[in-house]
Every structure is written in C-alpha cells, then in structure tokens.
Protein backbone atom coordinates (compact mmCIF):
# COMPACT_ATOMS: atom_id res chain seq x y z
CA MET A 1 -36.39 -32.40 66.51
CA THR A 2 -33.22 -32.06 68.65
CA PRO A 3 -29.83 -33.43 67.45
CA PHE A 4 -30.13 -36.54 69.94
CA GLN A 5 -33.72 -37.34 68.56
CA CYS A 6 -32.41 -37.29 65.07
CA LEU A 7 -29.62 -39.45 65.72
CA LEU A 8 -31.87 -41.85 67.63
CA CYS A 9 -34.35 -41.88 64.84
CA ASN A 10 -31.62 -42.58 62.52
CA GLN A 11 -30.49 -45.62 64.59
CA TYR A 12 -34.10 -46.74 64.61
CA ALA A 13 -34.59 -46.56 60.90
CA GLU A 14 -31.37 -48.49 59.98
CA ILE A 15 -32.27 -51.26 62.58
CA THR A 16 -36.04 -51.41 61.55
CA LYS A 17 -35.53 -51.46 57.90
CA ASN A 18 -33.55 -54.85 58.49
CA GLY A 19 -36.43 -56.21 60.30
CA ARG A 20 -34.57 -56.17 63.77
CA ASP A 21 -36.11 -54.67 66.99
CA GLY A 22 -36.33 -50.95 67.05
CA ARG A 23 -35.36 -50.95 70.97
CA LYS A 24 -32.02 -51.38 70.23
CA ALA A 25 -31.79 -48.10 68.55
CA GLN A 26 -31.76 -46.60 72.05
CA LEU A 27 -28.78 -48.44 73.39
CA ASN A 28 -26.88 -47.74 69.95
CA THR A 29 -27.66 -44.09 70.40
CA LEU A 30 -26.42 -43.98 74.07
CA MET A 31 -23.29 -45.98 73.12
CA LEU A 32 -22.44 -43.55 70.08
CA LEU A 33 -23.07 -40.41 72.27
CA THR A 34 -20.89 -41.75 75.15
CA VAL A 35 -18.25 -42.47 72.92
CA MET A 36 -18.19 -39.12 71.32
CA PHE A 37 -18.65 -37.14 74.66
CA THR A 38 -16.00 -39.30 76.17
CA LEU A 39 -13.55 -38.59 73.35
CA TRP A 40 -14.44 -34.98 73.56
CA VAL A 41 -13.47 -34.72 77.27
CA VAL A 42 -10.25 -36.58 76.58
CA ILE A 43 -9.23 -34.41 73.96
CA MET A 44 -10.17 -31.32 75.99
CA MET A 45 -7.99 -32.74 78.67
CA LEU A 46 -5.04 -33.23 76.39
CA LEU A 47 -5.51 -30.00 74.95
CA TYR A 48 -5.50 -28.18 78.53
CA ASP A 49 -2.33 -30.32 79.51
CA TYR A 50 -0.71 -28.89 76.24
CA ILE A 51 -1.49 -25.26 77.19
CA HIS A 52 -0.59 -25.87 80.85
CA PRO A 53 2.22 -28.63 80.91
CA GLY A 54 2.32 -31.04 83.57
CA PHE A 55 -1.35 -30.55 84.33
CA LEU A 56 -2.24 -34.47 84.05
CA ARG A 57 0.98 -35.46 85.70
CA GLU A 58 0.36 -33.16 88.68
CA ASN A 59 -3.38 -33.69 89.06
CA VAL A 60 -3.91 -37.29 88.14
CA ILE A 61 -1.99 -39.21 90.85
CA VAL A 62 -1.88 -42.81 90.21
CA GLU A 63 1.59 -44.04 90.93
CA GLY A 64 2.97 -47.17 89.38
CA LEU A 65 0.80 -47.23 86.34
CA SER A 66 1.79 -46.50 82.68
CA GLY A 67 0.44 -43.57 80.65
CA LYS A 68 -1.66 -46.38 78.69
CA ALA A 69 -3.14 -47.69 81.83
CA ILE A 70 -3.93 -44.16 83.17
CA GLY A 71 -5.48 -43.36 79.96
CA ARG A 72 -7.78 -46.52 79.92
CA LEU A 73 -8.65 -45.80 83.63
CA LEU A 74 -9.59 -42.13 82.97
CA GLY A 75 -11.40 -43.05 79.79
CA CYS A 76 -13.45 -45.86 81.65
CA ILE A 77 -14.33 -43.56 84.52
CA VAL A 78 -15.50 -40.41 82.14
CA GLY A 79 -17.09 -42.98 79.77
CA VAL A 80 -19.42 -44.55 82.85
CA ILE A 81 -20.05 -41.03 84.12
CA ILE A 82 -21.39 -39.91 80.84
CA PHE A 83 -23.33 -43.20 80.10
CA ILE A 84 -24.99 -42.77 83.32
CA CYS A 85 -25.94 -39.06 82.73
CA LEU A 86 -27.13 -39.77 79.35
CA LYS A 87 -29.05 -42.89 80.51
CA LEU A 88 -30.96 -40.61 83.05
CA THR A 89 -31.78 -37.87 80.64
CA ILE A 90 -32.34 -39.24 77.02
CA GLY A 91 -32.10 -42.97 77.91
CA THR A 92 -35.53 -43.19 79.36
CA LYS A 93 -38.41 -45.26 78.00
CA ASN A 94 -40.78 -42.28 77.95
CA TRP A 95 -38.10 -40.14 75.79
CA TYR A 96 -37.71 -43.11 73.53
CA ASN A 97 -41.40 -43.80 73.08
CA LYS A 98 -42.07 -40.14 72.53
CA THR A 99 -39.45 -39.40 70.04
CA ILE A 100 -40.34 -42.82 68.22
CA GLU A 101 -43.99 -42.08 68.24
CA GLU A 102 -43.30 -38.64 66.69
CA TYR A 103 -41.02 -40.06 64.21
CA ASN A 104 -43.56 -42.77 63.04
CA SER A 105 -46.25 -40.19 62.81
CA LEU A 106 -44.33 -38.27 60.02
CA PRO A 107 -44.79 -38.86 56.37
CA GLU A 108 -41.86 -40.99 54.84
CA GLU A 109 -40.03 -37.90 53.19
CA GLU A 110 -39.76 -36.08 56.23
CA GLN A 111 -38.41 -39.55 58.25
CA THR A 112 -35.87 -39.74 55.70
CA ARG A 113 -34.74 -36.09 56.20
CA ILE A 114 -34.74 -36.52 59.93
CA SER A 115 -32.60 -39.80 59.53
CA LYS A 116 -30.13 -37.99 57.29
CA LYS A 117 -30.00 -34.97 59.64
CA GLY A 118 -29.10 -37.59 62.66
CA ILE A 119 -26.03 -38.99 60.82
CA ARG A 120 -25.08 -35.49 59.68
CA PHE A 121 -25.11 -34.26 63.45
CA PHE A 122 -22.84 -37.47 64.15
CA ILE A 123 -20.45 -36.71 61.58
CA ILE A 124 -20.25 -32.99 62.59
CA GLY A 125 -19.73 -34.07 66.23
CA PHE A 126 -16.78 -36.35 65.16
CA ILE A 127 -14.89 -33.55 63.29
CA PRO A 128 -13.20 -32.15 66.34
CA ILE A 129 -12.33 -35.71 67.70
CA MET A 130 -10.66 -36.55 64.50
CA ILE A 131 -8.76 -33.13 64.56
CA GLY A 132 -7.79 -33.82 68.23
CA ILE A 133 -6.57 -37.27 66.87
CA VAL A 134 -4.53 -35.97 64.03
CA LEU A 135 -3.01 -33.30 66.46
CA ALA A 136 -2.23 -36.12 69.10
CA PHE A 137 -0.42 -38.15 66.43
CA THR A 138 1.66 -35.20 65.21
CA THR A 139 2.73 -34.68 68.65
CA VAL A 140 1.29 -31.21 69.19
CA PHE A 141 -0.12 -32.42 72.54
C-alpha cells in the first residue's frame, strides 16, 4: 500500500473502532495531507526567501497588507489548490472504496501493521515542518 493508502487506513481504523462512520476517514486524510503539503510549500518559500533575500517582497505584490495577512492569504490560496488536487486524485469514491475494500480483506494483524505504518508516514512527513518551524522561530529565515 502507498503512504496515502496507509494514512487513510489509519484514519479509517481509528474512526470505525469507536463505531463512527468510516467515510469521514477520507475527509480526515485529505485535510491532514492538505495541511502537511501546504506547510511544506510555505517552508520552502521561506527557505527560498532566506537564500534569495527579498524574493517574497518582490514577487508577492499585495500593497497595504501586513505580513500576517499576506501569509494567511497565500496559505489559503495554496491550501485550496492543494486540497482540490488531492480531492481529484486520492479523494475520489473509487479510490476510497478500493482502498478500504483491500484493507478490510486483510487479516487483523496486517491491518494493525498498515495502520501503524500510516501514522509513521504522517510523523515522518511532519519532521521537516517541525524543523522549519524551529528555524523560523530562531530567526534563521
């Protein structure tokens, strides 16, 4: 299974073990991935601006807005674009049904292994984001 499928299966397992609707796992997965990818893009933009000072000021022209407002605007725009891309690729009903059907057909110990693998991929994906946040707060950017 791919990392995206493992993350979906992890969300599905967590939701269904409490007796709730497993379809919510798809939205949870899309939201988690959207946040992760959006933060990756923001960190990369900040890193590029650190390497080439003035890049963001020169290329992001929104006069009259504070830095906080510009960050929110860019974050929202990037986040919406990423969410739409994910929704059109791994957010389809066919992909969800195929993945969950495959997951449910596996033995319980294999399901547990895949669920743990999903959370592992998520944590590994957030390590660069945490490093970027720490660097941002130590004013390296």
